[in-house]
Amino acid sequence: MRFRLLKNPINVQWELIPNCNYKCFHCYNYWRTEGNVSGHIDYGIVTSQLIENHIFNVTLTGGEPLLVFSEIKPYIEKMVKAGIKISINTNASLLSNEMAKFFKANNISLLISLPCCVPEINDKITTVKGSFYSTVMGINIAKQNKLNFSVNMVVSKLNKDYVIDTAKFLRNELGLNAINVTKASRPINGSSDFDDYALTLKEFRELLENLIYIKKEYSMSVDSLTVYPECSCDSFDTFNDFTQRKCFAGKTCLAIGYNGDVKACARDSKSYGNLNTKSLQECWKSMDDWRIIDDLKLPQECHDCDSKYSCLGGCRIENSNEIPGKCYRDKANLPIKFEIEAEKDFDYNLTDTFEVISGLLFFEENFGLRGVSLRKDVFFVTQQLYSFMVCHHTFSKEDLMKEFEISSEYANDTLTYLTKKNAIKKYN
């Protein structure tokens, strides 16, 4: 199987700085032996490349990106002016009202890491005394300034027993209605000592069941921010909620290191070039080994699985010999016994009329066009459909059927797709 090559990536993770004011056990900073790293690539070089390549979404990471807020601020302004949607991964301990007001004004969202609701456990994981209260203070500043943010809890044996309590703390004490909970994975520079703290398959499944409990019992939105193989789940609820996230490294996204190295995945060590000497476009085009999926790229136990091309065996980096991790594949669950019910398309009437939403952007691809809505939803259309949308500010389902000589069912599919991507809306 081969994924199509997009002219440009859609999403980019940009590591601004490798240093952090915390030293979390599950992060590469904990395992670093060389101490703090000084220097980083000229932020102007990266910013220019991101703008020139029409990147839609940029996630600023670290280390702790707020350590270099004053340095990155003017470049954030340039990216926002160019139409790039910015988000930041942070522990929020350095978040100030000044920063929060800037983020609010520029529609910047935050993903805030909180290891645990128990201060002693939290501080043990970050190895910084008082870090729990610093992060909670940052969360409160984000709340007071009405920022768009969510909280992520990375789970290992150190904090696995506090997932439900942390969700309750977020809801009852901080007034939040969502939580992300993601299993800890061995960092790229971590030693085998980390594996003693990684969850077992049984503990991993208990973690996911706890999330289902939180969702139902506390009416909270739950998610997990990494990919899991389909055979790892032994209940329909966990399969349905946590195996649908897929890896798009090298297919729609890439990562830029603090030194300018360009990688398909932030967790990978392989660089496809450095922005000091190569363009982002050159690096992007050379990532073909991430777009071609065959048995050589999949774990041995996945070769005979009927779901291998939809599942891809979980995290490719953890499947490699470089960073052996626990992907929680379970051959006892094969063949996959659960099936996601296909979301039903709306059955529109022939006379239902739709309006093309203004402000859409389109970029040519080798196979058609890539569109982006004002809400930054990405969608793909053929040249013919693009021309139709340009020429028809409003149109009916019947117009669409006649123009393309398609069935009512196919027209429903097309209208549902464009509506969900905020490219069109029902016209009153």
Protein backbone atom coordinates (compact mmCIF):
# COMPACT_ATOMS: atom_id res chain seq x y z
CA MET A 1 0.00 0.00 0.00
CA ARG A 2 1.25 3.47 -0.87
CA PHE A 3 0.02 6.79 0.49
CA ARG A 4 -0.20 9.68 -1.94
CA LEU A 5 2.52 12.31 -1.76
CA LEU A 6 1.05 15.67 -0.81
CA LYS A 7 2.88 18.69 -2.16
CA ASN A 8 3.31 19.97 1.37
CA PRO A 9 2.72 18.55 4.84
CA ILE A 10 -0.47 19.70 6.57
CA ASN A 11 0.77 19.59 10.17
CA VAL A 12 4.22 20.27 11.63
CA GLN A 13 5.58 19.72 15.14
CA TRP A 14 8.34 22.21 15.86
CA GLU A 15 10.63 21.59 18.83
CA LEU A 16 11.68 25.10 19.80
CA ILE A 17 14.12 24.11 22.54
CA PRO A 18 15.21 20.78 24.06
CA ASN A 19 15.54 22.16 27.60
CA CYS A 20 12.78 22.11 30.20
CA ASN A 21 12.23 23.35 33.74
CA TYR A 22 10.83 19.89 34.60
CA LYS A 23 12.52 16.53 34.18
CA CYS A 24 9.65 14.09 33.73
CA PHE A 25 10.49 10.42 33.90
CA HIS A 26 8.71 9.65 30.62
CA CYS A 27 10.47 12.46 28.70
CA TYR A 28 13.85 12.37 26.95
CA ASN A 29 15.08 15.19 29.20
CA TYR A 30 15.16 12.78 32.15
CA TRP A 31 17.47 10.41 30.27
CA ARG A 32 19.82 13.01 28.85
CA THR A 33 23.42 12.64 30.00
CA GLU A 34 24.94 15.75 28.42
CA GLY A 35 23.02 18.31 30.51
CA ASN A 36 21.24 21.35 29.07
CA VAL A 37 21.74 21.96 25.36
CA SER A 38 22.52 25.51 24.28
CA GLY A 39 21.46 27.06 20.99
CA HIS A 40 18.80 26.33 18.41
CA ILE A 41 18.19 26.97 14.73
CA ASP A 42 17.37 30.53 13.68
CA TYR A 43 13.60 30.74 14.24
CA GLY A 44 13.32 32.98 11.18
CA ILE A 45 14.58 30.21 8.89
CA VAL A 46 11.94 27.75 10.12
CA THR A 47 9.15 30.33 10.08
CA SER A 48 9.88 31.29 6.48
CA GLN A 49 9.84 27.64 5.41
CA LEU A 50 6.52 27.00 7.17
CA ILE A 51 4.89 30.02 5.53
CA GLU A 52 6.31 29.28 2.07
CA ASN A 53 4.98 25.72 2.22
CA HIS A 54 1.44 26.77 3.24
CA ILE A 55 1.48 24.72 6.45
CA PHE A 56 -1.97 24.74 8.08
CA ASN A 57 -1.20 23.68 11.66
CA VAL A 58 1.99 24.08 13.69
CA THR A 59 2.43 22.62 17.18
CA LEU A 60 5.21 24.25 19.19
CA THR A 61 6.89 21.77 21.53
CA GLY A 62 10.01 21.37 23.63
CA GLY A 63 11.47 20.90 26.11
CA GLU A 64 9.31 23.66 27.50
CA PRO A 65 8.43 26.15 24.74
CA LEU A 66 7.43 28.90 27.18
CA LEU A 67 11.10 29.17 28.19
CA VAL A 68 11.67 30.99 24.88
CA PHE A 69 8.37 32.88 24.70
CA SER A 70 9.98 36.28 24.16
CA GLU A 71 12.15 34.91 21.35
CA ILE A 72 9.41 33.02 19.51
CA LYS A 73 6.66 35.63 19.99
CA PRO A 74 7.38 37.72 16.84
CA TYR A 75 7.59 34.56 14.73
CA ILE A 76 4.28 33.34 16.11
CA GLU A 77 2.79 36.65 15.01
CA LYS A 78 4.18 36.14 11.49
CA MET A 79 2.78 32.61 11.28
CA VAL A 80 -0.65 33.67 12.54
CA LYS A 81 -0.69 36.55 10.02
CA ALA A 82 0.05 33.99 7.30
CA GLY A 83 -3.00 31.94 8.35
CA ILE A 84 -1.20 29.18 10.27
CA LYS A 85 -3.07 27.70 13.23
CA ILE A 86 -0.77 27.48 16.28
CA SER A 87 -0.96 25.18 19.29
CA ILE A 88 1.56 24.73 22.12
CA ASN A 89 2.47 21.70 24.24
CA THR A 90 3.45 22.95 27.70
CA ASN A 91 3.52 22.16 31.40
CA ALA A 92 2.00 25.66 31.93
CA SER A 93 4.17 26.33 34.99
CA LEU A 94 5.61 29.45 33.32
CA LEU A 95 2.30 30.68 31.89
CA SER A 96 1.67 34.32 32.79
CA ASN A 97 -1.33 36.56 32.22
CA GLU A 98 0.71 38.46 29.61
CA MET A 99 1.34 35.23 27.68
CA ALA A 100 -2.25 34.11 28.08
CA LYS A 101 -3.60 37.39 26.70
CA PHE A 102 -1.28 37.04 23.70
CA PHE A 103 -2.43 33.46 23.11
CA LYS A 104 -6.07 34.49 23.38
CA ALA A 105 -5.62 37.34 20.92
CA ASN A 106 -4.01 34.99 18.40
CA ASN A 107 -6.38 32.04 18.90
CA ILE A 108 -3.57 29.79 20.14
CA SER A 109 -4.54 26.58 21.95
CA LEU A 110 -2.58 24.75 24.65
CA LEU A 111 -2.07 21.10 25.54
CA ILE A 112 -1.09 21.11 29.22
CA SER A 113 0.69 18.16 30.82
CA LEU A 114 -0.38 17.21 34.37
CA PRO A 115 1.07 13.88 35.56
CA CYS A 116 -1.14 13.36 38.63
CA CYS A 117 -3.62 14.99 41.02
CA VAL A 118 -1.58 13.87 44.04
CA PRO A 119 1.17 16.49 44.55
CA GLU A 120 3.74 14.01 45.87
CA ILE A 121 3.27 11.62 42.92
CA ASN A 122 3.20 14.49 40.43
CA ASP A 123 6.44 15.96 41.79
CA LYS A 124 8.11 12.55 41.83
CA ILE A 125 7.39 12.18 38.10
CA THR A 126 8.58 15.71 37.22
CA THR A 127 11.45 15.49 39.74
CA VAL A 128 10.66 19.11 40.69
CA LYS A 129 9.22 19.92 44.10
CA GLY A 130 6.15 22.13 43.90
CA SER A 131 5.58 21.38 40.20
CA PHE A 132 1.99 20.25 40.85
CA TYR A 133 0.99 23.63 42.24
CA SER A 134 2.89 25.49 39.50
CA THR A 135 1.05 23.60 36.76
CA VAL A 136 -2.34 23.99 38.47
CA MET A 137 -1.68 27.72 38.74
CA GLY A 138 -0.98 27.76 35.00
CA ILE A 139 -4.21 25.89 34.30
CA ASN A 140 -6.12 28.47 36.34
CA ILE A 141 -4.51 31.30 34.36
CA ALA A 142 -5.53 29.56 31.13
CA LYS A 143 -9.08 29.27 32.50
CA GLN A 144 -9.27 32.87 33.67
CA ASN A 145 -8.19 34.08 30.24
CA LYS A 146 -10.64 31.74 28.53
CA LEU A 147 -7.97 29.99 26.47
CA ASN A 148 -8.74 26.95 24.37
CA PHE A 149 -6.80 24.24 26.19
CA SER A 150 -6.90 20.60 27.25
CA VAL A 151 -5.00 18.52 29.81
CA ASN A 152 -2.94 15.41 29.08
CA MET A 153 -1.87 12.81 31.67
CA VAL A 154 0.97 10.49 30.61
CA VAL A 155 0.56 7.20 32.47
CA SER A 156 3.14 4.69 33.69
CA LYS A 157 3.25 2.42 36.73
CA LEU A 158 4.08 5.53 38.77
CA ASN A 159 0.62 7.09 38.38
CA LYS A 160 -1.65 4.40 36.87
CA ASP A 161 -3.72 4.13 40.04
CA TYR A 162 -4.66 7.83 39.98
CA VAL A 163 -6.29 8.23 36.56
CA ILE A 164 -9.87 8.34 37.84
CA ASP A 165 -8.89 10.58 40.78
CA THR A 166 -7.11 12.98 38.40
CA ALA A 167 -10.18 13.17 36.17
CA LYS A 168 -12.34 13.90 39.23
CA PHE A 169 -9.87 16.59 40.32
CA LEU A 170 -10.02 18.27 36.92
CA ARG A 171 -13.81 18.21 36.92
CA ASN A 172 -14.58 19.01 40.56
CA GLU A 173 -11.69 21.33 41.50
CA LEU A 174 -10.84 22.99 38.18
CA GLY A 175 -14.20 22.81 36.40
CA LEU A 176 -12.90 21.00 33.31
CA ASN A 177 -14.98 18.52 31.34
CA ALA A 178 -12.29 16.70 29.36
CA ILE A 179 -9.09 14.73 29.91
CA ASN A 180 -6.51 13.12 27.64
CA VAL A 181 -4.74 10.07 29.05
CA THR A 182 -1.82 8.60 27.10
CA LYS A 183 0.40 5.64 27.93
CA ALA A 184 4.05 6.42 28.63
CA SER A 185 6.45 5.19 25.96
CA ARG A 186 10.19 4.78 26.15
CA PRO A 187 11.86 8.04 25.03
CA ILE A 188 14.21 7.93 22.06
CA ASN A 189 17.23 8.16 24.39
CA GLY A 190 15.75 6.09 27.22
CA SER A 191 17.40 2.95 28.52
CA SER A 192 15.84 -0.43 29.26
CA ASP A 193 15.40 0.81 32.85
CA PHE A 194 12.30 2.65 31.60
CA ASP A 195 10.62 -0.65 30.73
CA ASP A 196 10.22 -1.50 34.42
CA TYR A 197 7.72 1.37 34.61
CA ALA A 198 5.87 0.71 31.35
CA LEU A 199 2.33 -0.66 31.66
CA THR A 200 1.68 -4.35 31.12
CA LEU A 201 -1.03 -5.37 28.65
CA LYS A 202 -3.40 -5.98 31.57
CA GLU A 203 -2.64 -2.55 33.06
CA PHE A 204 -3.01 -0.90 29.65
CA ARG A 205 -6.47 -2.41 29.20
CA GLU A 206 -7.44 -1.34 32.71
CA LEU A 207 -6.33 2.17 31.81
CA LEU A 208 -8.61 2.28 28.78
CA GLU A 209 -11.51 0.82 30.78
CA ASN A 210 -10.96 3.56 33.37
CA LEU A 211 -11.34 6.12 30.58
CA ILE A 212 -14.64 4.56 29.51
CA TYR A 213 -15.75 4.73 33.17
CA ILE A 214 -14.77 8.41 33.38
CA LYS A 215 -16.66 9.13 30.18
CA LYS A 216 -19.85 7.46 31.38
CA GLU A 217 -19.76 8.21 35.12
CA TYR A 218 -18.57 11.84 35.00
CA SER A 219 -19.79 12.83 31.50
CA MET A 220 -16.27 13.91 30.58
CA SER A 221 -14.77 13.86 27.11
CA VAL A 222 -11.83 11.41 27.04
CA ASP A 223 -9.10 10.70 24.51
CA SER A 224 -5.67 9.13 24.20
CA LEU A 225 -3.04 10.92 22.11
CA THR A 226 -1.17 8.06 20.48
CA VAL A 227 -1.92 5.10 18.22
CA TYR A 228 -2.82 1.64 19.52
CA PRO A 229 -3.12 -1.58 17.47
CA GLU A 230 -6.65 -2.86 16.98
CA CYS A 231 -5.90 -6.21 18.63
CA SER A 232 -4.83 -4.50 21.88
CA CYS A 233 -8.43 -3.91 22.99
CA ASP A 234 -10.67 -6.65 24.35
CA SER A 235 -13.94 -4.70 24.61
CA PHE A 236 -16.01 -2.93 21.99
CA ASP A 237 -16.06 0.37 23.91
CA THR A 238 -12.28 0.64 24.15
CA PHE A 239 -11.84 -0.59 20.56
CA ASN A 240 -14.34 1.99 19.33
CA ASP A 241 -12.87 4.91 21.29
CA PHE A 242 -9.13 4.28 21.22
CA THR A 243 -8.04 2.38 18.08
CA GLN A 244 -9.34 4.82 15.48
CA ARG A 245 -6.44 7.28 15.78
CA LYS A 246 -3.92 6.61 13.00
CA CYS A 247 -0.31 7.61 12.45
CA PHE A 248 0.22 10.14 9.65
CA ALA A 249 3.95 10.73 10.16
CA GLY A 250 5.55 11.33 6.77
CA LYS A 251 2.13 11.24 5.12
CA THR A 252 0.47 14.48 6.23
CA CYS A 253 2.84 15.66 8.96
CA LEU A 254 6.50 15.93 9.98
CA ALA A 255 8.64 17.19 12.87
CA ILE A 256 11.37 19.81 13.04
CA GLY A 257 14.00 19.50 15.78
CA TYR A 258 15.47 22.38 17.75
CA ASN A 259 18.63 22.18 15.61
CA GLY A 260 16.72 22.21 12.31
CA ASP A 261 16.71 18.48 11.64
CA VAL A 262 13.57 17.37 9.79
CA LYS A 263 12.07 14.00 10.74
CA ALA A 264 8.89 12.15 9.85
CA CYS A 265 8.14 11.61 13.55
CA ALA A 266 9.39 13.53 16.56
CA ARG A 267 10.24 10.22 18.27
CA ASP A 268 12.38 8.98 15.37
CA SER A 269 16.13 9.54 15.17
CA LYS A 270 16.38 9.52 11.36
CA SER A 271 16.80 12.97 9.84
CA TYR A 272 15.84 13.68 6.23
CA GLY A 273 17.86 16.87 6.13
CA ASN A 274 18.47 20.06 8.06
CA LEU A 275 16.77 23.37 7.31
CA ASN A 276 20.13 25.14 7.52
CA THR A 277 21.16 23.40 4.29
CA LYS A 278 17.99 21.91 2.71
CA SER A 279 14.49 23.18 2.07
CA LEU A 280 11.47 21.77 3.87
CA GLN A 281 10.16 20.66 0.48
CA GLU A 282 13.30 18.59 -0.22
CA CYS A 283 13.08 16.90 3.16
CA TRP A 284 9.36 16.20 2.73
CA LYS A 285 9.79 14.55 -0.67
CA SER A 286 12.48 12.21 0.65
CA MET A 287 10.19 10.54 3.23
CA ASP A 288 8.90 7.87 0.85
CA ASP A 289 9.80 5.10 3.28
CA TRP A 290 6.96 6.37 5.50
CA ARG A 291 4.43 6.40 2.64
CA ILE A 292 5.02 2.86 1.43
CA ILE A 293 3.48 0.28 3.76
CA ASP A 294 4.35 -3.37 3.24
CA ASP A 295 5.22 -6.37 5.39
CA LEU A 296 8.78 -5.10 5.78
CA LYS A 297 7.40 -2.09 7.69
CA LEU A 298 5.05 -4.18 9.87
CA PRO A 299 5.75 -6.49 12.83
CA GLN A 300 5.98 -10.18 11.90
CA GLU A 301 2.80 -11.06 13.79
CA CYS A 302 0.83 -8.53 11.70
CA HIS A 303 1.63 -10.07 8.30
CA ASP A 304 -1.37 -12.41 8.16
CA CYS A 305 -3.85 -10.02 9.79
CA ASP A 306 -6.74 -8.83 7.62
CA SER A 307 -6.68 -5.46 9.38
CA LYS A 308 -3.00 -4.72 8.90
CA TYR A 309 -3.46 -1.88 6.41
CA SER A 310 -6.10 -0.10 8.49
CA CYS A 311 -4.26 -0.69 11.78
CA LEU A 312 -0.58 -0.56 10.68
CA GLY A 313 0.43 -2.47 13.79
CA GLY A 314 0.41 0.46 16.21
CA CYS A 315 3.34 2.83 16.66
CA ARG A 316 5.99 2.29 13.98
CA ILE A 317 8.77 3.66 16.18
CA GLU A 318 7.93 1.25 19.00
CA ASN A 319 7.83 -1.56 16.44
CA SER A 320 11.42 -0.78 15.44
CA ASN A 321 14.50 -2.26 17.02
CA GLU A 322 15.74 1.22 17.84
CA ILE A 323 13.16 1.97 20.53
CA PRO A 324 11.64 -1.32 21.59
CA GLY A 325 8.39 -0.55 23.34
CA LYS A 326 5.11 -2.11 24.30
CA CYS A 327 2.56 -1.82 21.51
CA TYR A 328 0.25 -4.28 23.30
CA ARG A 329 -0.47 -6.43 20.26
CA ASP A 330 -2.42 -9.53 21.26
CA LYS A 331 -2.64 -12.43 18.80
CA ALA A 332 -5.40 -13.92 20.94
CA ASN A 333 -7.64 -11.12 19.64
CA LEU A 334 -7.15 -12.11 16.00
CA PRO A 335 -9.03 -11.97 13.81
CA ILE A 336 -10.39 -8.64 15.02
CA LYS A 337 -13.80 -9.40 16.49
CA PHE A 338 -15.10 -5.83 16.71
CA GLU A 339 -16.35 -3.69 13.88
CA ILE A 340 -17.01 0.02 13.94
CA GLU A 341 -20.45 0.89 12.65
CA ALA A 342 -20.13 3.11 9.62
CA GLU A 343 -21.42 6.58 10.28
CA LYS A 344 -24.60 7.00 8.30
CA ASP A 345 -24.78 9.77 5.73
CA PHE A 346 -27.71 12.13 5.76
CA ASP A 347 -30.43 11.32 3.26
CA TYR A 348 -30.93 14.73 1.71
CA ASN A 349 -33.94 15.69 -0.39
CA LEU A 350 -33.44 16.58 -4.05
CA THR A 351 -34.42 20.19 -3.37
CA ASP A 352 -32.18 20.66 -0.32
CA THR A 353 -29.95 23.63 -1.06
CA PHE A 354 -26.36 24.19 0.10
CA GLU A 355 -24.12 27.23 0.30
CA VAL A 356 -20.36 27.18 -0.29
CA ILE A 357 -18.83 28.75 2.82
CA SER A 358 -16.72 31.82 2.06
CA GLY A 359 -13.04 31.99 2.91
CA LEU A 360 -12.07 28.51 1.66
CA LEU A 361 -8.46 28.11 0.53
CA PHE A 362 -7.40 25.64 -2.16
CA PHE A 363 -4.00 24.27 -3.14
CA GLU A 364 -3.25 22.10 -6.14
CA GLU A 365 -2.20 18.49 -5.64
CA ASN A 366 -1.22 15.92 -8.25
CA PHE A 367 -4.59 14.20 -7.79
CA GLY A 368 -6.90 17.24 -7.40
CA LEU A 369 -7.03 20.00 -4.84
CA ARG A 370 -6.57 20.26 -1.10
CA GLY A 371 -8.96 22.64 0.59
CA VAL A 372 -8.93 24.21 4.03
CA SER A 373 -11.90 25.78 5.77
CA LEU A 374 -11.93 28.78 8.06
CA ARG A 375 -11.97 26.29 10.94
CA LYS A 376 -8.79 24.69 9.53
CA ASP A 377 -10.55 21.48 8.43
CA VAL A 378 -8.63 19.90 5.55
CA PHE A 379 -10.51 18.23 2.69
CA PHE A 380 -9.78 16.98 -0.81
CA VAL A 381 -11.78 17.51 -4.00
CA THR A 382 -11.37 16.74 -7.69
CA GLN A 383 -10.70 19.51 -10.19
CA GLN A 384 -14.26 19.11 -11.48
CA LEU A 385 -15.85 19.47 -8.02
CA TYR A 386 -13.65 22.46 -7.28
CA SER A 387 -14.79 24.17 -10.49
CA PHE A 388 -18.41 23.42 -9.60
CA MET A 389 -18.02 24.94 -6.11
CA VAL A 390 -16.36 28.06 -7.57
CA CYS A 391 -19.16 28.56 -10.12
CA HIS A 392 -22.08 27.74 -7.80
CA HIS A 393 -22.30 29.79 -4.62
CA THR A 394 -25.49 27.86 -3.85
CA PHE A 395 -26.66 24.57 -5.31
CA SER A 396 -29.13 21.77 -4.64
CA LYS A 397 -28.60 18.07 -4.31
CA GLU A 398 -30.33 17.69 -7.65
CA ASP A 399 -27.90 20.17 -9.25
CA LEU A 400 -24.99 18.06 -8.01
CA MET A 401 -26.52 14.84 -9.34
CA LYS A 402 -27.16 16.33 -12.78
CA GLU A 403 -23.75 18.01 -13.07
CA PHE A 404 -21.78 14.83 -12.31
CA GLU A 405 -24.37 12.21 -13.36
CA ILE A 406 -24.18 10.50 -9.98
CA SER A 407 -26.68 8.57 -7.87
CA SER A 408 -28.63 9.98 -4.94
CA GLU A 409 -26.52 7.87 -2.56
CA TYR A 410 -23.23 9.18 -3.98
CA ALA A 411 -24.55 12.75 -3.79
CA ASN A 412 -25.41 12.17 -0.12
CA ASP A 413 -21.85 10.94 0.50
CA THR A 414 -20.36 14.04 -1.14
CA LEU A 415 -22.65 16.49 0.63
CA THR A 416 -22.05 14.84 4.02
CA TYR A 417 -18.27 14.92 3.53
CA LEU A 418 -18.20 18.61 2.53
CA THR A 419 -20.58 19.57 5.34
CA LYS A 420 -18.48 17.82 8.00
CA LYS A 421 -15.39 19.58 6.66
CA ASN A 422 -17.11 22.97 6.94
CA ALA A 423 -16.80 23.56 3.21
CA ILE A 424 -20.57 23.87 2.67
CA LYS A 425 -23.66 24.37 4.85
CA LYS A 426 -27.42 24.03 4.44
CA TYR A 427 -28.85 27.16 2.85
CA ASN A 428 -31.99 28.55 4.44
